[in-house]
Amino acid sequence: MHIPDGILPIWLWLAGFLVMSLVLAFSFYRVRGMDTKKKVPLLGALSAVMLVGMTLPVLPGYHINLTVVTGILMGPSLGMVAAFVTNVILSLMGHGGITVIGLNTLLVGSETVLGHLLFTLLKRLPVFWRAAVATVLTLFITTLMLVGIVAVSHLDPEVLHQGEEHGNEILNGSVSTFAWMALSLGAVGWLIEAAITGAVVRFIAQVKPDLLGHDLHRSPGRKG
C-alpha cells in the first residue's frame, strides 16, 4: 500500500505495528537456531529481489513481488523478516509512509507464509504447478485482505496508490469498484507472477533441490 503518513486512522496503523511486532518476535524466536552462514546471505538476496520487484510495475498498479518464491525458499519465519526489511527500505524510498510499515509487512509477510504453506500442501502436483497454483491462491487471498483494510479504514481508494504514475487508471474512489478492479486486473498480474514463480522454483528444483528441502527452516539437529 503506497499510502502516505496521516491518511490511515491511528487505531489501524497502531494495530498494524502491534501485530507486526508480535509476529516478528515469534519469527525471530523461530530462526534463532538456524545456520547463520546459510540464512543471512539468502535473506539478503531474496529481500533485494523482492525490493526490485516491488518497485517495477508490470501492469498499471501491479508489481511482481516474488513473495511466494521467498516463502518457498526461506519458510514462513525468514519470509516475514524479509518482508519487514523490504518494507522498511521501501518506506524510506517514499513508497508509502512510515506508519504503513506495520500493515504492509503483515500483507507482504502473509504472502510468504501462505506461499510456503500452500506449496507444502500441494505435494502431488509437479513443482512448476505447485509453485504457480500456490502463487495464484496466495495473491487472491492477500488481495482480499487489502480490500478489507481499505474497507475498514473508510479510506478513499484514490489515495491507495497516491504518487504512482498509474494510480488513477484503476481507482475511482469507490471501495466496491476498487475491489472489482483489484481482483480483475490483479488476476492478470497473478498469472504472470505465477508463471515466473513456477519457472524459478522449477529451475531451483533442478539445479539446487536442497533449497526446497527446507533445511534452513529447522534448527541444527532437529528432524522433521
Protein backbone atom coordinates (compact mmCIF):
# COMPACT_ATOMS: atom_id res chain seq x y z
CA MET A 1 0.00 0.00 0.00
CA HIS A 2 1.58 3.26 -1.15
CA ILE A 3 -0.22 5.38 1.43
CA PRO A 4 1.48 8.49 2.85
CA ASP A 5 1.54 9.22 6.57
CA GLY A 6 -1.53 10.86 8.10
CA ILE A 7 -4.10 9.08 5.93
CA LEU A 8 -4.94 5.89 7.81
CA PRO A 9 -6.81 6.04 11.14
CA ILE A 10 -4.42 5.99 14.09
CA TRP A 11 -6.03 2.89 15.58
CA LEU A 12 -5.47 0.95 12.35
CA TRP A 13 -1.79 1.64 11.80
CA LEU A 14 -1.06 1.26 15.51
CA ALA A 15 -2.78 -2.13 15.43
CA GLY A 16 -0.67 -2.98 12.39
CA PHE A 17 2.54 -2.15 14.26
CA LEU A 18 1.41 -4.11 17.32
CA VAL A 19 0.54 -7.27 15.39
CA MET A 20 3.68 -6.92 13.26
CA SER A 21 5.83 -6.66 16.40
CA LEU A 22 4.30 -9.83 17.84
CA VAL A 23 4.69 -11.73 14.58
CA LEU A 24 8.29 -10.58 14.14
CA ALA A 25 9.14 -11.51 17.73
CA PHE A 26 7.81 -15.01 17.09
CA SER A 27 9.67 -15.18 13.76
CA PHE A 28 12.99 -14.16 15.34
CA TYR A 29 12.38 -16.75 18.06
CA ARG A 30 11.88 -19.41 15.39
CA VAL A 31 15.01 -18.53 13.40
CA ARG A 32 17.40 -18.14 16.33
CA GLY A 33 18.76 -21.70 15.98
CA MET A 34 19.22 -21.71 12.22
CA ASP A 35 22.58 -21.78 10.49
CA THR A 36 23.58 -18.12 10.19
CA LYS A 37 26.05 -18.81 7.39
CA LYS A 38 23.21 -20.02 5.19
CA LYS A 39 20.29 -17.88 6.27
CA VAL A 40 21.82 -14.38 6.19
CA PRO A 41 23.03 -14.46 2.55
CA LEU A 42 19.72 -15.96 1.40
CA LEU A 43 17.75 -13.43 3.44
CA GLY A 44 19.71 -10.56 1.93
CA ALA A 45 19.48 -11.87 -1.62
CA LEU A 46 15.74 -12.54 -1.57
CA SER A 47 14.98 -9.27 0.22
CA ALA A 48 16.83 -7.50 -2.59
CA VAL A 49 14.87 -9.44 -5.21
CA MET A 50 11.58 -8.50 -3.54
CA LEU A 51 12.70 -4.88 -3.30
CA VAL A 52 13.45 -4.70 -7.02
CA GLY A 53 10.20 -6.44 -7.94
CA MET A 54 8.08 -4.13 -5.81
CA THR A 55 9.47 -1.02 -7.50
CA LEU A 56 8.94 -2.17 -11.10
CA PRO A 57 5.27 -2.17 -12.24
CA VAL A 58 4.46 -4.72 -14.95
CA LEU A 59 0.82 -3.65 -15.23
CA PRO A 60 -0.98 -0.44 -14.17
CA GLY A 61 -0.85 -0.52 -10.38
CA TYR A 62 0.63 -4.05 -10.20
CA HIS A 63 4.12 -5.10 -9.17
CA ILE A 64 5.75 -8.52 -9.24
CA ASN A 65 6.50 -9.03 -5.55
CA LEU A 66 8.09 -12.52 -5.78
CA THR A 67 6.98 -13.07 -2.20
CA VAL A 68 5.87 -16.64 -2.84
CA VAL A 69 9.34 -17.54 -4.13
CA THR A 70 10.74 -16.06 -0.93
CA GLY A 71 8.32 -18.03 1.22
CA ILE A 72 9.02 -21.29 -0.61
CA LEU A 73 12.79 -20.93 -0.29
CA MET A 74 13.03 -19.40 3.18
CA GLY A 75 9.97 -20.58 5.06
CA PRO A 76 7.41 -18.50 6.97
CA SER A 77 9.68 -17.08 9.68
CA LEU A 78 12.52 -15.85 7.49
CA GLY A 79 9.95 -14.78 4.91
CA MET A 80 8.32 -12.49 7.44
CA VAL A 81 11.70 -10.99 8.35
CA ALA A 82 12.42 -10.40 4.66
CA ALA A 83 9.03 -8.69 4.29
CA PHE A 84 9.85 -6.35 7.18
CA VAL A 85 13.29 -5.45 5.82
CA THR A 86 11.89 -4.82 2.35
CA ASN A 87 9.06 -2.60 3.56
CA VAL A 88 11.32 -0.50 5.78
CA ILE A 89 13.58 0.21 2.80
CA LEU A 90 10.60 0.94 0.54
CA SER A 91 9.15 3.41 3.05
CA LEU A 92 12.49 5.22 3.20
CA MET A 93 12.40 5.42 -0.60
CA GLY A 94 8.98 7.08 -0.49
CA HIS A 95 6.88 4.01 -1.38
CA GLY A 96 4.39 4.51 1.44
CA GLY A 97 4.66 6.24 4.79
CA ILE A 98 6.45 5.08 7.92
CA THR A 99 3.10 4.50 9.64
CA VAL A 100 2.12 1.93 6.99
CA ILE A 101 5.14 -0.31 7.60
CA GLY A 102 3.20 -2.49 10.04
CA LEU A 103 0.27 -3.22 7.74
CA ASN A 104 2.49 -3.56 4.67
CA THR A 105 4.76 -6.01 6.47
CA LEU A 106 1.76 -8.09 7.50
CA LEU A 107 0.37 -8.11 3.95
CA VAL A 108 3.67 -8.97 2.28
CA GLY A 109 4.64 -11.35 5.06
CA SER A 110 1.29 -13.11 4.71
CA GLU A 111 2.19 -13.82 1.09
CA THR A 112 5.44 -15.52 2.11
CA VAL A 113 3.66 -17.56 4.79
CA LEU A 114 0.72 -18.59 2.61
CA GLY A 115 3.01 -19.31 -0.34
CA HIS A 116 5.14 -21.61 1.78
CA LEU A 117 2.18 -23.43 3.31
CA LEU A 118 0.31 -23.90 0.03
CA PHE A 119 3.45 -25.09 -1.77
CA THR A 120 3.97 -27.62 1.02
CA LEU A 121 0.36 -28.83 0.83
CA LEU A 122 0.29 -29.26 -2.96
CA LYS A 123 2.81 -32.10 -2.95
CA ARG A 124 1.08 -34.18 -5.59
CA LEU A 125 1.48 -31.56 -8.29
CA PRO A 126 4.63 -31.11 -10.40
CA VAL A 127 6.98 -28.48 -8.97
CA PHE A 128 6.06 -25.85 -11.56
CA TRP A 129 2.33 -26.19 -10.91
CA ARG A 130 2.80 -26.40 -7.14
CA ALA A 131 4.50 -23.02 -7.17
CA ALA A 132 2.14 -21.50 -9.75
CA VAL A 133 -1.07 -22.58 -8.02
CA ALA A 134 0.32 -21.54 -4.63
CA THR A 135 1.08 -18.11 -6.09
CA VAL A 136 -2.39 -17.54 -7.55
CA LEU A 137 -4.18 -18.66 -4.38
CA THR A 138 -1.87 -16.62 -2.17
CA LEU A 139 -2.27 -13.41 -4.16
CA PHE A 140 -6.04 -13.85 -4.34
CA ILE A 141 -6.26 -14.15 -0.55
CA THR A 142 -3.95 -11.22 0.17
CA THR A 143 -5.81 -9.04 -2.33
CA LEU A 144 -8.98 -9.73 -0.36
CA MET A 145 -7.07 -8.75 2.78
CA LEU A 146 -6.05 -5.47 1.12
CA VAL A 147 -9.64 -4.73 0.13
CA GLY A 148 -10.68 -5.47 3.71
CA ILE A 149 -8.15 -2.99 5.09
CA VAL A 150 -9.39 -0.29 2.70
CA ALA A 151 -12.99 -1.02 3.70
CA VAL A 152 -12.50 -0.96 7.49
CA SER A 153 -10.35 2.18 7.30
CA HIS A 154 -13.01 4.04 5.27
CA LEU A 155 -10.09 5.09 3.08
CA ASP A 156 -10.73 6.71 -0.27
CA PRO A 157 -9.13 4.20 -2.68
CA GLU A 158 -7.78 7.14 -4.69
CA VAL A 159 -5.01 7.57 -2.12
CA LEU A 160 -4.02 3.91 -2.09
CA HIS A 161 -1.57 4.40 -4.93
CA GLN A 162 -1.04 8.11 -4.36
CA GLY A 163 2.05 9.29 -6.16
CA GLU A 164 2.12 6.37 -8.59
CA GLU A 165 2.03 7.09 -12.29
CA HIS A 166 -0.89 4.77 -12.99
CA GLY A 167 -2.85 5.10 -9.77
CA ASN A 168 -5.83 6.98 -11.23
CA GLU A 169 -6.24 4.46 -14.04
CA ILE A 170 -7.63 1.80 -11.75
CA LEU A 171 -9.23 3.70 -8.87
CA ASN A 172 -12.21 6.00 -8.87
CA GLY A 173 -12.99 6.47 -5.19
CA SER A 174 -15.37 3.53 -4.67
CA VAL A 175 -14.31 0.61 -2.48
CA SER A 176 -16.53 -1.78 -4.43
CA THR A 177 -15.08 -0.58 -7.72
CA PHE A 178 -11.59 -0.80 -6.27
CA ALA A 179 -12.28 -4.38 -5.16
CA TRP A 180 -13.56 -5.35 -8.61
CA MET A 181 -10.62 -3.73 -10.39
CA ALA A 182 -8.06 -5.09 -7.93
CA LEU A 183 -9.34 -8.63 -8.43
CA SER A 184 -9.89 -8.47 -12.20
CA LEU A 185 -6.74 -6.59 -13.13
CA GLY A 186 -4.82 -8.33 -10.38
CA ALA A 187 -5.74 -11.72 -11.84
CA VAL A 188 -3.67 -10.92 -14.92
CA GLY A 189 -0.74 -10.00 -12.70
CA TRP A 190 -1.21 -13.15 -10.64
CA LEU A 191 -0.91 -15.32 -13.75
CA ILE A 192 2.26 -13.52 -14.81
CA GLU A 193 3.75 -13.85 -11.35
CA ALA A 194 2.63 -17.48 -11.13
CA ALA A 195 4.43 -18.29 -14.38
CA ILE A 196 7.61 -16.55 -13.17
CA THR A 197 7.44 -18.19 -9.76
CA GLY A 198 6.80 -21.62 -11.25
CA ALA A 199 9.73 -21.28 -13.65
CA VAL A 200 12.10 -20.05 -10.93
CA VAL A 201 11.14 -22.78 -8.47
CA ARG A 202 11.34 -25.50 -11.14
CA PHE A 203 14.82 -24.28 -12.12
CA ILE A 204 15.93 -24.31 -8.48
CA ALA A 205 14.50 -27.81 -8.08
CA GLN A 206 16.70 -28.94 -10.97
CA VAL A 207 19.97 -27.26 -10.01
CA LYS A 208 19.74 -26.83 -6.22
CA PRO A 209 16.96 -29.09 -4.90
CA ASP A 210 18.20 -28.90 -1.30
CA LEU A 211 16.87 -25.32 -1.14
CA LEU A 212 13.37 -26.76 -1.45
CA GLY A 213 14.01 -29.29 1.31
CA HIS A 214 13.63 -26.50 3.87
CA ASP A 215 16.72 -27.49 5.85
CA LEU A 216 17.16 -23.79 6.54
CA HIS A 217 13.83 -23.74 8.32
CA ARG A 218 14.96 -26.04 11.11
CA SER A 219 17.47 -25.69 13.88
CA PRO A 220 20.62 -27.82 13.62
CA GLY A 221 19.94 -31.32 14.83
CA ARG A 222 16.14 -31.04 14.55
CA LYS A 223 14.37 -33.63 12.49
CA GLY A 224 11.07 -33.40 10.64
